[in-house]
Amino acid sequence: MPDFSNAEPIRLLLVDDHAVMRSGLANMLNAYDGLSVVAEADDADAALEMYRQCIPDVTLLDVVMPGTDGIECLRSLKKEFPQAAVLMLSSSELDQDVIDAMAAGALGYIPKTARPTDLIEAIRIVRQGDIYRNRLAGLTERVPRESSKLTAREVEVLQLLREGMSNPEIGRILGITARTAKAHVAAIMMKLDANDRAQAVARGFERGLL
């Protein structure tokens, strides 16, 4: 079981339209030291508003919701808060939902049938700005090509990665927080299908980005 005893609590936002599911999940997560559910929402509009109010460390977002679904909610959230660390938690295990979610900027995708220890491990990984890869094997190459295109800011970050700079150094140069820089690095690695920074730089050269 992950040990959070010496870490600051990871602040969580839960987004799920099923109140019973959401309440049970909140109770389970709050029972673990180092995890704290600071806000809950039952639809996309409420999710965006609660994110603005709380700025959680990790958002657990359902895919299937009435009205605006979780993937559209994710797109809106990432547009306003590029640094948002989002873990999709869903009853849907369709490959296409995984692909769409990762293309929209999720850092991981885990089914509601997952063991609590796996969910907590996924939260820890996503909180660090890394990608939780349990559902990504064989799917990365199927992410839509346009969604794999780096943004102008991500190209800037990639250029600084080429120079061997750390997240805090990237943040200082670009005028962003180290956490936001880390989120950009994670997005770059996902889009370039890279396992580490060196491979991301190599892929950048291959694609003519550097």
Protein backbone atom coordinates (compact mmCIF):
# COMPACT_ATOMS: atom_id res chain seq x y z
CA MET A 1 0.00 0.00 0.00
CA PRO A 2 1.41 3.45 -0.85
CA ASP A 3 2.79 5.32 2.15
CA PHE A 4 1.63 8.93 2.44
CA SER A 5 2.57 9.38 6.08
CA ASN A 6 5.38 11.85 5.44
CA ALA A 7 3.71 13.77 2.63
CA GLU A 8 1.30 16.66 2.45
CA PRO A 9 -2.25 15.40 1.94
CA ILE A 10 -3.23 14.99 -1.69
CA ARG A 11 -6.31 17.16 -2.19
CA LEU A 12 -8.95 15.49 -4.34
CA LEU A 13 -11.97 16.63 -6.34
CA LEU A 14 -14.49 13.86 -7.09
CA VAL A 15 -16.76 14.25 -10.11
CA ASP A 16 -19.50 11.62 -10.49
CA ASP A 17 -23.23 12.00 -11.04
CA HIS A 18 -24.08 9.03 -8.80
CA ALA A 19 -24.34 10.38 -5.26
CA VAL A 20 -24.06 6.98 -3.56
CA MET A 21 -20.96 6.04 -5.57
CA ARG A 22 -19.40 9.44 -4.91
CA SER A 23 -20.11 9.29 -1.18
CA GLY A 24 -18.71 5.79 -0.84
CA LEU A 25 -15.59 6.73 -2.77
CA ALA A 26 -15.08 9.84 -0.65
CA ASN A 27 -15.38 7.84 2.56
CA MET A 28 -12.92 5.24 1.31
CA LEU A 29 -10.33 7.78 0.17
CA ASN A 30 -10.62 9.92 3.31
CA ALA A 31 -9.86 6.83 5.39
CA TYR A 32 -6.31 6.81 4.01
CA ASP A 33 -3.68 9.04 5.61
CA GLY A 34 -2.41 11.57 3.11
CA LEU A 35 -5.61 11.75 1.03
CA SER A 36 -8.28 14.39 1.48
CA VAL A 37 -11.45 14.83 -0.58
CA VAL A 38 -11.87 18.61 -0.56
CA ALA A 39 -14.75 18.92 -3.05
CA GLU A 40 -17.36 16.92 -4.94
CA ALA A 41 -19.40 17.64 -8.08
CA ASP A 42 -22.17 15.84 -9.94
CA ASP A 43 -21.85 17.42 -13.40
CA ALA A 44 -19.44 19.31 -15.64
CA ASP A 45 -20.52 22.82 -14.63
CA ALA A 46 -20.21 22.04 -10.94
CA ALA A 47 -16.85 20.37 -11.56
CA LEU A 48 -15.41 23.49 -13.19
CA GLU A 49 -16.76 25.72 -10.43
CA MET A 50 -15.42 23.50 -7.64
CA TYR A 51 -12.05 23.30 -9.37
CA ARG A 52 -11.87 27.10 -9.51
CA GLN A 53 -12.68 27.33 -5.83
CA CYS A 54 -10.42 24.57 -4.52
CA ILE A 55 -7.62 24.02 -7.10
CA PRO A 56 -7.25 20.35 -6.09
CA ASP A 57 -4.10 18.31 -6.60
CA VAL A 58 -5.94 15.55 -8.47
CA THR A 59 -9.40 15.38 -10.02
CA LEU A 60 -11.14 12.02 -10.31
CA LEU A 61 -13.53 12.40 -13.22
CA ASP A 62 -16.21 10.01 -14.46
CA VAL A 63 -16.60 9.56 -18.21
CA VAL A 64 -20.33 8.86 -18.41
CA MET A 65 -22.40 11.76 -17.07
CA PRO A 66 -25.69 13.32 -18.20
CA GLY A 67 -25.41 16.48 -20.27
CA THR A 68 -21.76 17.30 -20.82
CA ASP A 69 -19.82 14.05 -20.52
CA GLY A 70 -16.57 13.61 -18.65
CA ILE A 71 -14.32 13.91 -21.69
CA GLU A 72 -15.86 17.22 -22.76
CA CYS A 73 -15.60 18.36 -19.15
CA LEU A 74 -11.93 17.39 -19.21
CA ARG A 75 -11.34 19.44 -22.36
CA SER A 76 -12.94 22.50 -20.77
CA LEU A 77 -10.98 22.00 -17.56
CA LYS A 78 -7.63 21.64 -19.35
CA LYS A 79 -8.34 24.70 -21.50
CA GLU A 80 -8.82 26.84 -18.39
CA PHE A 81 -6.30 25.01 -16.17
CA PRO A 82 -3.58 23.35 -18.30
CA GLN A 83 -1.84 22.17 -15.14
CA ALA A 84 -4.87 20.17 -13.94
CA ALA A 85 -3.96 16.59 -13.04
CA VAL A 86 -6.95 14.45 -14.00
CA LEU A 87 -7.48 10.73 -13.49
CA MET A 88 -10.48 9.30 -15.31
CA LEU A 89 -12.41 6.90 -13.07
CA SER A 90 -15.18 5.22 -15.00
CA SER A 91 -17.47 2.23 -15.41
CA SER A 92 -16.62 2.34 -19.14
CA GLU A 93 -13.65 0.22 -20.16
CA LEU A 94 -14.00 0.83 -23.90
CA ASP A 95 -10.68 1.39 -25.68
CA GLN A 96 -12.11 4.42 -27.49
CA ASP A 97 -13.02 6.12 -24.21
CA VAL A 98 -9.46 5.58 -22.98
CA ILE A 99 -8.04 6.99 -26.22
CA ASP A 100 -10.35 10.02 -26.19
CA ALA A 101 -9.63 10.75 -22.53
CA MET A 102 -5.86 10.60 -22.94
CA ALA A 103 -6.04 12.72 -26.10
CA ALA A 104 -8.03 15.30 -24.13
CA GLY A 105 -5.31 15.55 -21.50
CA ALA A 106 -6.01 12.96 -18.80
CA LEU A 107 -2.95 11.55 -17.06
CA GLY A 108 -4.57 8.18 -16.48
CA TYR A 109 -7.67 6.05 -16.81
CA ILE A 110 -8.82 3.50 -14.27
CA PRO A 111 -12.06 1.49 -14.08
CA LYS A 112 -14.40 1.68 -11.09
CA THR A 113 -13.81 -2.06 -10.66
CA ALA A 114 -10.16 -1.41 -9.75
CA ARG A 115 -8.83 -2.41 -6.35
CA PRO A 116 -8.55 0.48 -3.84
CA THR A 117 -4.77 0.02 -3.69
CA ASP A 118 -4.53 0.38 -7.49
CA LEU A 119 -6.65 3.53 -7.38
CA ILE A 120 -4.48 5.05 -4.68
CA GLU A 121 -1.33 4.20 -6.61
CA ALA A 122 -2.84 5.84 -9.69
CA ILE A 123 -3.63 8.97 -7.67
CA ARG A 124 -0.04 9.12 -6.43
CA ILE A 125 1.37 8.78 -9.93
CA VAL A 126 -0.95 11.40 -11.41
CA ARG A 127 -0.25 13.79 -8.50
CA GLN A 128 3.43 13.65 -9.47
CA GLY A 129 2.51 14.76 -12.98
CA ASP A 130 3.31 11.34 -14.42
CA ILE A 131 1.13 9.14 -16.62
CA TYR A 132 -0.66 6.13 -15.15
CA ARG A 133 -0.19 3.62 -17.95
CA ASN A 134 -2.24 0.61 -16.89
CA ARG A 135 -4.71 1.00 -19.80
CA LEU A 136 -2.37 2.44 -22.41
CA ALA A 137 -0.57 -0.61 -23.75
CA GLY A 138 -1.16 -0.80 -27.47
CA LEU A 139 -3.40 2.28 -27.48
CA THR A 140 -0.96 5.18 -27.68
CA GLU A 141 -0.52 4.96 -31.43
CA ARG A 142 -4.30 5.19 -31.84
CA VAL A 143 -4.58 8.62 -30.24
CA PRO A 144 -5.77 10.98 -33.01
CA ARG A 145 -2.86 12.59 -34.85
CA GLU A 146 -4.05 16.16 -34.23
CA SER A 147 -4.31 15.47 -30.52
CA SER A 148 -0.66 14.36 -30.58
CA LYS A 149 0.48 17.72 -31.93
CA LEU A 150 2.46 19.76 -29.42
CA THR A 151 1.21 23.21 -28.52
CA ALA A 152 3.50 26.23 -28.88
CA ARG A 153 4.14 26.24 -25.14
CA GLU A 154 4.93 22.52 -25.15
CA VAL A 155 7.49 23.09 -27.90
CA GLU A 156 9.07 25.78 -25.70
CA VAL A 157 9.22 23.30 -22.83
CA LEU A 158 10.67 20.62 -25.09
CA GLN A 159 13.42 23.00 -26.16
CA LEU A 160 14.29 23.58 -22.50
CA LEU A 161 14.25 19.83 -21.88
CA ARG A 162 16.82 19.58 -24.65
CA GLU A 163 19.03 21.86 -22.55
CA GLY A 164 18.64 19.54 -19.56
CA MET A 165 16.62 21.92 -17.42
CA SER A 166 14.58 20.81 -14.43
CA ASN A 167 10.92 21.61 -13.87
CA PRO A 168 11.68 24.52 -11.49
CA GLU A 169 14.19 25.94 -14.00
CA ILE A 170 11.66 25.63 -16.82
CA GLY A 171 9.09 27.34 -14.63
CA ARG A 172 11.38 30.29 -13.85
CA ILE A 173 12.28 30.83 -17.49
CA LEU A 174 8.69 30.62 -18.76
CA GLY A 175 7.11 32.41 -15.82
CA ILE A 176 5.02 29.42 -14.72
CA THR A 177 5.01 27.23 -11.63
CA ALA A 178 7.14 24.10 -11.41
CA ARG A 179 3.92 22.10 -11.18
CA THR A 180 2.62 23.58 -14.44
CA ALA A 181 5.99 22.87 -16.05
CA LYS A 182 5.74 19.26 -14.87
CA ALA A 183 2.26 18.99 -16.37
CA HIS A 184 3.61 20.23 -19.71
CA VAL A 185 6.42 17.68 -19.55
CA ALA A 186 3.90 14.89 -18.88
CA ALA A 187 1.79 16.03 -21.84
CA ILE A 188 4.85 16.10 -24.10
CA MET A 189 5.84 12.58 -23.07
CA MET A 190 2.32 11.33 -23.70
CA LYS A 191 2.04 12.97 -27.12
CA LEU A 192 5.48 11.81 -28.21
CA ASP A 193 4.99 8.34 -26.68
CA ALA A 194 8.20 8.80 -24.69
CA ASN A 195 9.16 6.96 -21.51
CA ASP A 196 11.56 9.63 -20.26
CA ARG A 197 12.86 13.10 -21.04
CA ALA A 198 15.77 11.92 -23.16
CA GLN A 199 13.44 9.92 -25.36
CA ALA A 200 11.09 12.90 -25.63
CA VAL A 201 13.96 15.05 -26.89
CA ALA A 202 14.96 12.34 -29.36
CA ARG A 203 11.39 12.14 -30.65
CA GLY A 204 11.38 15.93 -30.92
CA PHE A 205 14.36 15.76 -33.27
CA GLU A 206 12.69 12.96 -35.25
CA ARG A 207 9.58 15.09 -35.76
CA GLY A 208 11.51 18.23 -36.65
CA LEU A 209 10.40 20.08 -33.53
CA LEU A 210 13.98 20.83 -32.43
